[in-house]
Amino acid sequence: LTAAREHLRALDASALDAGERREMVVGLAEALYLEDAFASAAELFDTALSANGPTDFGPAARERVLDWWATALDRHAQLKPAGERHVIYRRIADRMDRESRDHPASTPAAYWLAAGARGAGELDRAWAASIAAWVRASMTLDRGAALRADIDRLVLQALIPERARALGLSAKETEQAHAGMLAEWDLIKKNWSR
């Protein structure tokens, strides 16, 4: 990491074309991420994603940078007090909502919209986004393999238990609600899988 940092610091950005400068920004962001400077890394990833034009990323590269951006903000949120996390996760969800409209086949947009909404405490939005992610997974670059595995884990391990608890029911009723949500999720997967 030290050698990579030294190499990046030695680069003359003025000698680089626009595409190379964008790659340099991504490299700087990755270095900051690996040094646990997550918020700063997210800002640089955002800068790289925001620059449009003839040097725009190809689909696979854009997906990677978008995922790095969201992951950096997620890691940053985990370091904050619980009361401050909602704002960060809402930022992720809102960005991924826009990304989903512009790039409906985006794996990170589909996953992080659901995960961001959950982190923001918007459990109904997270549920709807999870279902939408499952349904459109076949549109993604890998035909949905990674997205479906990640969404399934998010729904089963976090979203269903949190939604059931949020109902404020007795322990037995919460368990029944959990079972009902699980059955609903299983039906969605059955109906929308190949």
N, C-alpha and C. Protein backbone atom coordinates (compact mmCIF):
# COMPACT_ATOMS: atom_id res chain seq x y z
N LEU A 1 0.82 -1.19 0.00
CA LEU A 1 0.00 0.00 0.00
C LEU A 1 0.87 1.26 0.00
N THR A 2 1.96 1.21 0.74
CA THR A 2 2.86 2.37 0.78
C THR A 2 3.44 2.64 -0.60
N ALA A 3 3.86 1.59 -1.29
CA ALA A 3 4.42 1.76 -2.64
C ALA A 3 3.37 2.31 -3.60
N ALA A 4 2.14 1.84 -3.49
CA ALA A 4 1.07 2.33 -4.36
C ALA A 4 0.80 3.81 -4.09
N ARG A 5 0.79 4.18 -2.81
CA ARG A 5 0.58 5.58 -2.45
C ARG A 5 1.68 6.45 -3.03
N GLU A 6 2.92 6.00 -2.90
CA GLU A 6 4.05 6.77 -3.44
C GLU A 6 3.93 6.91 -4.96
N HIS A 7 3.54 5.84 -5.62
CA HIS A 7 3.38 5.88 -7.07
C HIS A 7 2.28 6.89 -7.46
N LEU A 8 1.16 6.86 -6.75
CA LEU A 8 0.07 7.78 -7.06
C LEU A 8 0.48 9.23 -6.79
N ARG A 9 1.22 9.46 -5.73
CA ARG A 9 1.67 10.82 -5.41
C ARG A 9 2.66 11.34 -6.44
N ALA A 10 3.40 10.44 -7.06
CA ALA A 10 4.42 10.84 -8.03
C ALA A 10 3.84 11.14 -9.42
N LEU A 11 2.61 10.72 -9.67
CA LEU A 11 2.01 10.94 -10.98
C LEU A 11 1.79 12.43 -11.24
N ASP A 12 2.03 12.84 -12.48
CA ASP A 12 1.75 14.21 -12.91
C ASP A 12 0.40 14.20 -13.61
N ALA A 13 -0.63 14.61 -12.91
CA ALA A 13 -1.99 14.56 -13.45
C ALA A 13 -2.15 15.42 -14.70
N SER A 14 -1.35 16.48 -14.81
CA SER A 14 -1.48 17.35 -15.98
C SER A 14 -1.02 16.65 -17.26
N ALA A 15 -0.23 15.60 -17.13
CA ALA A 15 0.24 14.87 -18.30
C ALA A 15 -0.72 13.75 -18.71
N LEU A 16 -1.78 13.57 -17.96
CA LEU A 16 -2.73 12.48 -18.23
C LEU A 16 -3.93 12.99 -19.02
N ASP A 17 -4.48 12.12 -19.87
CA ASP A 17 -5.72 12.50 -20.54
C ASP A 17 -6.88 12.31 -19.57
N ALA A 18 -8.08 12.68 -19.99
CA ALA A 18 -9.24 12.66 -19.09
C ALA A 18 -9.52 11.26 -18.55
N GLY A 19 -9.42 10.25 -19.39
CA GLY A 19 -9.66 8.88 -18.93
C GLY A 19 -8.62 8.42 -17.92
N GLU A 20 -7.37 8.79 -18.16
CA GLU A 20 -6.30 8.42 -17.22
C GLU A 20 -6.46 9.16 -15.89
N ARG A 21 -6.90 10.42 -15.95
CA ARG A 21 -7.14 11.17 -14.70
C ARG A 21 -8.27 10.53 -13.91
N ARG A 22 -9.29 10.07 -14.62
CA ARG A 22 -10.39 9.40 -13.92
C ARG A 22 -9.88 8.13 -13.25
N GLU A 23 -9.05 7.36 -13.94
CA GLU A 23 -8.47 6.15 -13.35
C GLU A 23 -7.59 6.51 -12.15
N MET A 24 -6.90 7.64 -12.23
CA MET A 24 -6.08 8.09 -11.11
C MET A 24 -6.96 8.40 -9.90
N VAL A 25 -8.09 9.06 -10.14
CA VAL A 25 -9.02 9.37 -9.04
C VAL A 25 -9.51 8.08 -8.39
N VAL A 26 -9.82 7.07 -9.21
CA VAL A 26 -10.26 5.78 -8.66
C VAL A 26 -9.13 5.16 -7.83
N GLY A 27 -7.90 5.22 -8.34
CA GLY A 27 -6.76 4.68 -7.60
C GLY A 27 -6.56 5.39 -6.26
N LEU A 28 -6.70 6.71 -6.27
CA LEU A 28 -6.59 7.48 -5.02
C LEU A 28 -7.71 7.08 -4.05
N ALA A 29 -8.91 6.91 -4.58
CA ALA A 29 -10.04 6.51 -3.73
C ALA A 29 -9.81 5.13 -3.13
N GLU A 30 -9.32 4.20 -3.94
CA GLU A 30 -9.05 2.85 -3.43
C GLU A 30 -7.98 2.89 -2.34
N ALA A 31 -6.96 3.72 -2.54
CA ALA A 31 -5.91 3.83 -1.52
C ALA A 31 -6.48 4.37 -0.21
N LEU A 32 -7.31 5.40 -0.30
CA LEU A 32 -7.94 5.93 0.91
C LEU A 32 -8.82 4.88 1.58
N TYR A 33 -9.57 4.13 0.79
CA TYR A 33 -10.43 3.08 1.34
C TYR A 33 -9.59 2.06 2.11
N LEU A 34 -8.49 1.64 1.52
CA LEU A 34 -7.64 0.64 2.16
C LEU A 34 -6.95 1.17 3.41
N GLU A 35 -6.89 2.50 3.54
CA GLU A 35 -6.36 3.13 4.75
C GLU A 35 -7.48 3.46 5.74
N ASP A 36 -8.67 2.94 5.50
CA ASP A 36 -9.85 3.14 6.35
C ASP A 36 -10.35 4.58 6.39
N ALA A 37 -10.02 5.36 5.37
CA ALA A 37 -10.55 6.72 5.24
C ALA A 37 -11.79 6.64 4.34
N PHE A 38 -12.84 6.01 4.85
CA PHE A 38 -13.98 5.62 4.04
C PHE A 38 -14.76 6.80 3.47
N ALA A 39 -15.02 7.82 4.27
CA ALA A 39 -15.79 8.97 3.78
C ALA A 39 -15.04 9.70 2.67
N SER A 40 -13.74 9.87 2.85
CA SER A 40 -12.93 10.53 1.83
C SER A 40 -12.86 9.69 0.56
N ALA A 41 -12.74 8.40 0.73
CA ALA A 41 -12.74 7.50 -0.44
C ALA A 41 -14.05 7.62 -1.19
N ALA A 42 -15.16 7.66 -0.47
CA ALA A 42 -16.48 7.78 -1.12
C ALA A 42 -16.57 9.07 -1.93
N GLU A 43 -16.03 10.15 -1.40
CA GLU A 43 -16.07 11.42 -2.13
C GLU A 43 -15.30 11.31 -3.45
N LEU A 44 -14.15 10.65 -3.42
CA LEU A 44 -13.39 10.49 -4.66
C LEU A 44 -14.07 9.53 -5.63
N PHE A 45 -14.64 8.44 -5.13
CA PHE A 45 -15.39 7.55 -6.01
C PHE A 45 -16.54 8.31 -6.66
N ASP A 46 -17.20 9.16 -5.89
CA ASP A 46 -18.31 9.95 -6.42
C ASP A 46 -17.82 10.89 -7.52
N THR A 47 -16.66 11.48 -7.31
CA THR A 47 -16.07 12.36 -8.33
C THR A 47 -15.84 11.58 -9.62
N ALA A 48 -15.30 10.39 -9.51
CA ALA A 48 -15.04 9.57 -10.70
C ALA A 48 -16.34 9.19 -11.40
N LEU A 49 -17.38 8.90 -10.64
CA LEU A 49 -18.66 8.52 -11.23
C LEU A 49 -19.37 9.70 -11.87
N SER A 50 -19.13 10.89 -11.36
CA SER A 50 -19.86 12.07 -11.83
C SER A 50 -19.32 12.63 -13.13
N ALA A 51 -18.08 12.34 -13.46
CA ALA A 51 -17.50 12.88 -14.69
C ALA A 51 -18.01 12.08 -15.88
N ASN A 52 -18.80 12.73 -16.74
CA ASN A 52 -19.34 12.06 -17.92
C ASN A 52 -18.61 12.52 -19.16
N GLY A 53 -18.85 11.84 -20.25
CA GLY A 53 -18.24 12.24 -21.50
C GLY A 53 -17.62 11.06 -22.21
N PRO A 54 -16.77 11.34 -23.19
CA PRO A 54 -16.21 10.27 -24.00
C PRO A 54 -15.30 9.33 -23.22
N THR A 55 -14.87 9.74 -22.04
CA THR A 55 -14.00 8.88 -21.23
C THR A 55 -14.79 8.16 -20.15
N ASP A 56 -16.12 8.14 -20.29
CA ASP A 56 -16.96 7.48 -19.29
C ASP A 56 -16.56 6.01 -19.17
N PHE A 57 -16.76 5.46 -17.98
CA PHE A 57 -16.46 4.06 -17.73
C PHE A 57 -17.31 3.16 -18.61
N GLY A 58 -16.79 1.99 -18.94
CA GLY A 58 -17.62 0.95 -19.52
C GLY A 58 -18.53 0.40 -18.43
N PRO A 59 -19.53 -0.41 -18.81
CA PRO A 59 -20.50 -0.89 -17.82
C PRO A 59 -19.87 -1.64 -16.64
N ALA A 60 -18.94 -2.54 -16.89
CA ALA A 60 -18.36 -3.33 -15.80
C ALA A 60 -17.54 -2.45 -14.86
N ALA A 61 -16.77 -1.52 -15.41
CA ALA A 61 -15.96 -0.63 -14.57
C ALA A 61 -16.86 0.30 -13.75
N ARG A 62 -17.91 0.80 -14.37
CA ARG A 62 -18.84 1.67 -13.63
C ARG A 62 -19.47 0.92 -12.47
N GLU A 63 -19.84 -0.33 -12.71
CA GLU A 63 -20.43 -1.16 -11.64
C GLU A 63 -19.46 -1.28 -10.46
N ARG A 64 -18.19 -1.53 -10.77
CA ARG A 64 -17.20 -1.69 -9.70
C ARG A 64 -17.05 -0.40 -8.89
N VAL A 65 -16.93 0.73 -9.58
CA VAL A 65 -16.74 2.00 -8.88
C VAL A 65 -17.99 2.36 -8.07
N LEU A 66 -19.16 2.11 -8.62
CA LEU A 66 -20.40 2.37 -7.89
C LEU A 66 -20.48 1.52 -6.62
N ASP A 67 -20.09 0.26 -6.73
CA ASP A 67 -20.10 -0.62 -5.56
C ASP A 67 -19.07 -0.15 -4.53
N TRP A 68 -17.88 0.25 -4.99
CA TRP A 68 -16.87 0.79 -4.07
C TRP A 68 -17.43 2.01 -3.34
N TRP A 69 -18.11 2.91 -4.07
CA TRP A 69 -18.67 4.12 -3.47
C TRP A 69 -19.63 3.75 -2.33
N ALA A 70 -20.58 2.86 -2.63
CA ALA A 70 -21.57 2.48 -1.62
C ALA A 70 -20.92 1.74 -0.46
N THR A 71 -19.99 0.86 -0.76
CA THR A 71 -19.31 0.11 0.29
C THR A 71 -18.52 1.04 1.20
N ALA A 72 -17.88 2.05 0.61
CA ALA A 72 -17.13 3.02 1.41
C ALA A 72 -18.07 3.78 2.35
N LEU A 73 -19.22 4.20 1.84
CA LEU A 73 -20.18 4.90 2.71
C LEU A 73 -20.75 3.96 3.77
N ASP A 74 -20.99 2.71 3.41
CA ASP A 74 -21.47 1.73 4.38
C ASP A 74 -20.47 1.55 5.51
N ARG A 75 -19.20 1.41 5.15
CA ARG A 75 -18.16 1.26 6.17
C ARG A 75 -18.06 2.52 7.04
N HIS A 76 -18.19 3.69 6.41
CA HIS A 76 -18.18 4.96 7.15
C HIS A 76 -19.35 5.00 8.13
N ALA A 77 -20.53 4.60 7.67
CA ALA A 77 -21.72 4.62 8.52
C ALA A 77 -21.55 3.71 9.73
N GLN A 78 -20.91 2.57 9.53
CA GLN A 78 -20.73 1.63 10.63
C GLN A 78 -19.85 2.19 11.75
N LEU A 79 -19.05 3.19 11.43
CA LEU A 79 -18.19 3.82 12.43
C LEU A 79 -18.87 4.97 13.17
N LYS A 80 -20.06 5.35 12.72
CA LYS A 80 -20.77 6.48 13.31
C LYS A 80 -21.75 5.99 14.37
N PRO A 81 -22.16 6.89 15.28
CA PRO A 81 -23.21 6.52 16.23
C PRO A 81 -24.50 6.16 15.48
N ALA A 82 -25.29 5.29 16.06
CA ALA A 82 -26.50 4.79 15.40
C ALA A 82 -27.40 5.92 14.90
N GLY A 83 -27.51 6.99 15.65
CA GLY A 83 -28.38 8.09 15.25
C GLY A 83 -27.93 8.83 14.02
N GLU A 84 -26.66 8.73 13.67
CA GLU A 84 -26.13 9.43 12.50
C GLU A 84 -26.11 8.56 11.24
N ARG A 85 -26.33 7.28 11.39
CA ARG A 85 -26.22 6.36 10.26
C ARG A 85 -27.34 6.55 9.24
N HIS A 86 -28.54 6.89 9.71
CA HIS A 86 -29.69 6.98 8.81
C HIS A 86 -29.43 7.93 7.64
N VAL A 87 -28.79 9.05 7.92
CA VAL A 87 -28.53 10.04 6.87
C VAL A 87 -27.60 9.46 5.81
N ILE A 88 -26.59 8.74 6.24
CA ILE A 88 -25.63 8.15 5.30
C ILE A 88 -26.31 7.09 4.45
N TYR A 89 -27.10 6.24 5.08
CA TYR A 89 -27.78 5.19 4.33
C TYR A 89 -28.85 5.77 3.40
N ARG A 90 -29.49 6.85 3.80
CA ARG A 90 -30.46 7.49 2.91
C ARG A 90 -29.74 8.04 1.68
N ARG A 91 -28.54 8.57 1.87
CA ARG A 91 -27.75 9.06 0.73
C ARG A 91 -27.47 7.91 -0.23
N ILE A 92 -27.10 6.75 0.30
CA ILE A 92 -26.86 5.58 -0.55
C ILE A 92 -28.14 5.20 -1.29
N ALA A 93 -29.24 5.08 -0.56
CA ALA A 93 -30.51 4.66 -1.18
C ALA A 93 -30.96 5.64 -2.25
N ASP A 94 -30.86 6.92 -1.96
CA ASP A 94 -31.31 7.91 -2.94
C ASP A 94 -30.45 7.89 -4.20
N ARG A 95 -29.15 7.76 -4.03
CA ARG A 95 -28.26 7.68 -5.20
C ARG A 95 -28.58 6.43 -6.01
N MET A 96 -28.78 5.32 -5.33
CA MET A 96 -29.05 4.08 -6.04
C MET A 96 -30.42 4.08 -6.70
N ASP A 97 -31.35 4.83 -6.15
CA ASP A 97 -32.65 4.99 -6.80
C ASP A 97 -32.46 5.67 -8.16
N ARG A 98 -31.66 6.73 -8.19
CA ARG A 98 -31.38 7.42 -9.46
C ARG A 98 -30.61 6.51 -10.41
N GLU A 99 -29.61 5.80 -9.87
CA GLU A 99 -28.82 4.89 -10.70
C GLU A 99 -29.70 3.80 -11.31
N SER A 100 -30.65 3.29 -10.52
CA SER A 100 -31.54 2.23 -11.01
C SER A 100 -32.39 2.71 -12.17
N ARG A 101 -32.81 3.96 -12.11
CA ARG A 101 -33.59 4.51 -13.22
C ARG A 101 -32.73 4.68 -14.46
N ASP A 102 -31.49 5.13 -14.28
CA ASP A 102 -30.60 5.35 -15.43
C ASP A 102 -29.98 4.06 -15.94
N HIS A 103 -29.74 3.10 -15.05
CA HIS A 103 -29.08 1.84 -15.39
C HIS A 103 -29.84 0.69 -14.74
N PRO A 104 -30.99 0.29 -15.30
CA PRO A 104 -31.83 -0.73 -14.64
C PRO A 104 -31.16 -2.09 -14.47
N ALA A 105 -30.09 -2.35 -15.20
CA ALA A 105 -29.40 -3.64 -15.08
C ALA A 105 -28.24 -3.59 -14.10
N SER A 106 -28.12 -2.53 -13.33
CA SER A 106 -27.00 -2.36 -12.41
C SER A 106 -27.15 -3.22 -11.16
N THR A 107 -26.21 -4.12 -10.95
CA THR A 107 -26.21 -4.95 -9.74
C THR A 107 -26.02 -4.12 -8.48
N PRO A 108 -24.99 -3.25 -8.41
CA PRO A 108 -24.83 -2.48 -7.17
C PRO A 108 -26.02 -1.56 -6.89
N ALA A 109 -26.61 -0.99 -7.93
CA ALA A 109 -27.76 -0.10 -7.70
C ALA A 109 -28.92 -0.88 -7.10
N ALA A 110 -29.18 -2.06 -7.61
CA ALA A 110 -30.29 -2.87 -7.09
C ALA A 110 -30.04 -3.29 -5.65
N TYR A 111 -28.83 -3.79 -5.38
CA TYR A 111 -28.52 -4.25 -4.03
C TYR A 111 -28.50 -3.09 -3.03
N TRP A 112 -27.75 -2.04 -3.37
CA TRP A 112 -27.55 -0.97 -2.41
C TRP A 112 -28.79 -0.10 -2.23
N LEU A 113 -29.73 -0.10 -3.17
CA LEU A 113 -31.00 0.57 -2.93
C LEU A 113 -31.72 -0.11 -1.78
N ALA A 114 -31.77 -1.44 -1.82
CA ALA A 114 -32.41 -2.20 -0.73
C ALA A 114 -31.64 -2.06 0.58
N ALA A 115 -30.33 -2.24 0.52
CA ALA A 115 -29.52 -2.17 1.74
C ALA A 115 -29.50 -0.76 2.32
N GLY A 116 -29.44 0.24 1.46
CA GLY A 116 -29.45 1.62 1.94
C GLY A 116 -30.77 1.99 2.58
N ALA A 117 -31.87 1.57 1.96
CA ALA A 117 -33.19 1.85 2.54
C ALA A 117 -33.31 1.18 3.90
N ARG A 118 -32.83 -0.04 4.01
CA ARG A 118 -32.85 -0.74 5.30
C ARG A 118 -32.04 0.03 6.34
N GLY A 119 -30.83 0.44 5.97
CA GLY A 119 -29.98 1.19 6.89
C GLY A 119 -30.58 2.52 7.31
N ALA A 120 -31.40 3.10 6.42
CA ALA A 120 -32.06 4.37 6.73
C ALA A 120 -33.31 4.17 7.56
N GLY A 121 -33.63 2.91 7.85
CA GLY A 121 -34.82 2.61 8.64
C GLY A 121 -36.10 2.57 7.84
N GLU A 122 -35.99 2.59 6.52
CA GLU A 122 -37.15 2.56 5.62
C GLU A 122 -37.41 1.11 5.20
N LEU A 123 -37.97 0.34 6.11
CA LEU A 123 -38.09 -1.10 5.90
C LEU A 123 -39.05 -1.46 4.77
N ASP A 124 -40.13 -0.72 4.60
CA ASP A 124 -41.04 -1.01 3.49
C ASP A 124 -40.38 -0.73 2.15
N ARG A 125 -39.63 0.37 2.08
CA ARG A 125 -38.90 0.68 0.85
C ARG A 125 -37.85 -0.39 0.58
N ALA A 126 -37.17 -0.84 1.62
CA ALA A 126 -36.16 -1.89 1.47
C ALA A 126 -36.80 -3.19 0.98
N TRP A 127 -37.98 -3.52 1.50
CA TRP A 127 -38.69 -4.73 1.08
C TRP A 127 -39.05 -4.63 -0.40
N ALA A 128 -39.64 -3.50 -0.80
CA ALA A 128 -40.02 -3.31 -2.20
C ALA A 128 -38.78 -3.34 -3.10
N ALA A 129 -37.71 -2.71 -2.67
CA ALA A 129 -36.48 -2.70 -3.47
C ALA A 129 -35.87 -4.09 -3.57
N SER A 130 -35.98 -4.89 -2.52
CA SER A 130 -35.46 -6.26 -2.55
C SER A 130 -36.23 -7.10 -3.56
N ILE A 131 -37.55 -6.96 -3.55
CA ILE A 131 -38.36 -7.70 -4.52
C ILE A 131 -38.02 -7.25 -5.94
N ALA A 132 -37.93 -5.95 -6.15
CA ALA A 132 -37.57 -5.44 -7.47
C ALA A 132 -36.19 -5.93 -7.90
N ALA A 133 -35.25 -5.98 -6.97
CA ALA A 133 -33.91 -6.48 -7.29
C ALA A 133 -33.97 -7.93 -7.73
N TRP A 134 -34.73 -8.73 -7.01
CA TRP A 134 -34.85 -10.15 -7.37
C TRP A 134 -35.45 -10.31 -8.77
N VAL A 135 -36.49 -9.54 -9.05
CA VAL A 135 -37.20 -9.67 -10.32
C VAL A 135 -36.31 -9.24 -11.48
N ARG A 136 -35.57 -8.16 -11.32
CA ARG A 136 -34.76 -7.68 -12.44
C ARG A 136 -33.34 -8.26 -12.47
N ALA A 137 -33.04 -9.17 -11.59
CA ALA A 137 -31.68 -9.72 -11.51
C ALA A 137 -31.21 -10.34 -12.82
N SER A 138 -32.11 -10.91 -13.59
CA SER A 138 -31.69 -11.55 -14.84
C SER A 138 -31.18 -10.54 -15.86
N MET A 139 -31.40 -9.24 -15.63
CA MET A 139 -30.91 -8.20 -16.53
C MET A 139 -29.45 -7.83 -16.27
N THR A 140 -28.90 -8.26 -15.14
CA THR A 140 -27.55 -7.83 -14.75
C THR A 140 -26.48 -8.53 -15.58
N LEU A 141 -25.26 -8.02 -15.48
CA LEU A 141 -24.16 -8.54 -16.29
C LEU A 141 -23.92 -10.03 -16.10
N ASP A 142 -24.11 -10.53 -14.88
CA ASP A 142 -23.87 -11.96 -14.62
C ASP A 142 -25.18 -12.75 -14.56
N ARG A 143 -26.24 -12.18 -15.12
CA ARG A 143 -27.57 -12.83 -15.16
C ARG A 143 -28.16 -13.02 -13.76
N GLY A 144 -27.69 -12.27 -12.80
CA GLY A 144 -28.31 -12.25 -11.49
C GLY A 144 -27.72 -13.13 -10.42
N ALA A 145 -26.70 -13.89 -10.74
CA ALA A 145 -26.16 -14.83 -9.75
C ALA A 145 -25.71 -14.13 -8.47
N ALA A 146 -24.87 -13.13 -8.59
CA ALA A 146 -24.35 -12.44 -7.41
C ALA A 146 -25.44 -11.63 -6.72
N LEU A 147 -26.24 -10.91 -7.50
CA LEU A 147 -27.28 -10.07 -6.92
C LEU A 147 -28.29 -10.90 -6.14
N ARG A 148 -28.74 -11.99 -6.71
CA ARG A 148 -29.74 -12.80 -6.01
C ARG A 148 -29.19 -13.39 -4.72
N ALA A 149 -27.95 -13.82 -4.73
CA ALA A 149 -27.35 -14.36 -3.50
C ALA A 149 -27.26 -13.27 -2.43
N ASP A 150 -26.83 -12.08 -2.82
CA ASP A 150 -26.69 -10.98 -1.85
C ASP A 150 -28.04 -10.50 -1.34
N ILE A 151 -29.01 -10.35 -2.23
CA ILE A 151 -30.34 -9.90 -1.82
C ILE A 151 -31.00 -10.94 -0.92
N ASP A 152 -30.86 -12.21 -1.26
CA ASP A 152 -31.45 -13.26 -0.44
C ASP A 152 -30.87 -13.22 0.98
N ARG A 153 -29.56 -13.05 1.08
CA ARG A 153 -28.92 -12.97 2.39
C ARG A 153 -29.42 -11.74 3.16
N LEU A 154 -29.51 -10.60 2.49
CA LEU A 154 -30.00 -9.37 3.14
C LEU A 154 -31.43 -9.56 3.65
N VAL A 155 -32.28 -10.14 2.83
CA VAL A 155 -33.69 -10.32 3.21
C VAL A 155 -33.82 -11.31 4.36
N LEU A 156 -33.14 -12.45 4.25
CA LEU A 156 -33.29 -13.50 5.25
C LEU A 156 -32.63 -13.16 6.59
N GLN A 157 -31.44 -12.57 6.54
CA GLN A 157 -30.69 -12.34 7.77
C GLN A 157 -31.03 -11.01 8.45
N ALA A 158 -31.50 -10.04 7.69
CA ALA A 158 -31.72 -8.72 8.28
C ALA A 158 -33.14 -8.19 8.09
N LEU A 159 -33.59 -8.15 6.86
CA LEU A 159 -34.82 -7.43 6.58
C LEU A 159 -36.07 -8.10 7.16
N ILE A 160 -36.23 -9.39 6.94
CA ILE A 160 -37.41 -10.06 7.50
C ILE A 160 -37.42 -9.99 9.03
N PRO A 161 -36.33 -10.32 9.71
CA PRO A 161 -36.36 -10.20 11.18
C PRO A 161 -36.67 -8.77 11.66
N GLU A 162 -36.09 -7.77 11.00
CA GLU A 162 -36.32 -6.39 11.42
C GLU A 162 -37.76 -5.95 11.14
N ARG A 163 -38.30 -6.35 10.00
CA ARG A 163 -39.69 -6.01 9.68
C ARG A 163 -40.64 -6.66 10.68
N ALA A 164 -40.38 -7.91 11.03
CA ALA A 164 -41.25 -8.61 11.99
C ALA A 164 -41.19 -7.94 13.36
N ARG A 165 -39.98 -7.59 13.81
CA ARG A 165 -39.83 -6.92 15.12
C ARG A 165 -40.48 -5.54 15.12
N ALA A 166 -40.41 -4.85 13.99
CA ALA A 166 -40.94 -3.48 13.91
C ALA A 166 -42.46 -3.43 14.08
N LEU A 167 -43.12 -4.55 13.93
CA LEU A 167 -44.57 -4.59 14.09
C LEU A 167 -45.00 -4.39 15.54
N GLY A 168 -44.07 -4.60 16.49
CA GLY A 168 -44.36 -4.39 17.90
C GLY A 168 -45.35 -5.38 18.48
N LEU A 169 -45.29 -6.60 18.01
CA LEU A 169 -46.22 -7.64 18.45
C LEU A 169 -45.62 -8.46 19.58
N SER A 170 -46.41 -9.36 20.13
CA SER A 170 -45.90 -10.29 21.13
C SER A 170 -44.88 -11.21 20.47
N ALA A 171 -44.14 -11.94 21.27
CA ALA A 171 -43.11 -12.84 20.74
C ALA A 171 -43.72 -13.86 19.78
N LYS A 172 -44.84 -14.45 20.17
CA LYS A 172 -45.48 -15.45 19.32
C LYS A 172 -45.98 -14.83 18.01
N GLU A 173 -46.60 -13.65 18.11
CA GLU A 173 -47.10 -12.98 16.90
C GLU A 173 -45.95 -12.53 16.00
N THR A 174 -44.84 -12.11 16.61
CA THR A 174 -43.66 -11.74 15.83
C THR A 174 -43.13 -12.94 15.08
N GLU A 175 -43.11 -14.09 15.75
CA GLU A 175 -42.66 -15.32 15.10
C GLU A 175 -43.58 -15.69 13.93
N GLN A 176 -44.87 -15.51 14.11
CA GLN A 176 -45.82 -15.80 13.04
C GLN A 176 -45.65 -14.82 11.87
N ALA A 177 -45.44 -13.55 12.20
CA ALA A 177 -45.21 -12.55 11.15
C ALA A 177 -43.94 -12.88 10.38
N HIS A 178 -42.91 -13.28 11.10
CA HIS A 178 -41.65 -13.69 10.48
C HIS A 178 -41.89 -14.84 9.51
N ALA A 179 -42.63 -15.84 9.95
CA ALA A 179 -42.92 -17.00 9.10
C ALA A 179 -43.72 -16.59 7.86
N GLY A 180 -44.67 -15.68 8.04
CA GLY A 180 -45.46 -15.20 6.90
C GLY A 180 -44.61 -14.45 5.89
N MET A 181 -43.72 -13.61 6.38
CA MET A 181 -42.83 -12.87 5.48
C MET A 181 -41.88 -13.80 4.76
N LEU A 182 -41.40 -14.80 5.47
CA LEU A 182 -40.52 -15.79 4.86
C LEU A 182 -41.25 -16.55 3.76
N ALA A 183 -42.49 -16.92 4.00
CA ALA A 183 -43.28 -17.62 2.98
C ALA A 183 -43.51 -16.71 1.77
N GLU A 184 -43.77 -15.44 2.03
CA GLU A 184 -43.96 -14.48 0.93
C GLU A 184 -42.69 -14.36 0.10
N TRP A 185 -41.55 -14.27 0.78
CA TRP A 185 -40.26 -14.15 0.08
C TRP A 185 -39.98 -15.42 -0.74
N ASP A 186 -40.25 -16.58 -0.16
CA ASP A 186 -40.05 -17.83 -0.90
C ASP A 186 -40.92 -17.89 -2.15
N LEU A 187 -42.14 -17.40 -2.06
CA LEU A 187 -43.04 -17.39 -3.22
C LEU A 187 -42.52 -16.44 -4.30
N ILE A 188 -42.04 -15.29 -3.88
CA ILE A 188 -41.46 -14.34 -4.85
C ILE A 188 -40.28 -14.99 -5.57
N LYS A 189 -39.41 -15.63 -4.81
CA LYS A 189 -38.25 -16.29 -5.43
C LYS A 189 -38.69 -17.39 -6.39
N LYS A 190 -39.68 -18.16 -5.98
CA LYS A 190 -40.18 -19.25 -6.84
C LYS A 190 -40.78 -18.69 -8.12
N ASN A 191 -41.59 -17.66 -8.00
CA ASN A 191 -42.27 -17.10 -9.17
C ASN A 191 -41.35 -16.36 -10.12
N TRP A 192 -40.24 -15.85 -9.60
CA TRP A 192 -39.37 -15.00 -10.42
C TRP A 192 -37.97 -15.56 -10.60
N SER A 193 -37.82 -16.86 -10.51
CA SER A 193 -36.52 -17.49 -10.78
C SER A 193 -36.63 -18.34 -12.03
N ARG A 194 -35.53 -18.50 -12.69
CA ARG A 194 -35.51 -19.35 -13.89
C ARG A 194 -35.12 -20.74 -13.53
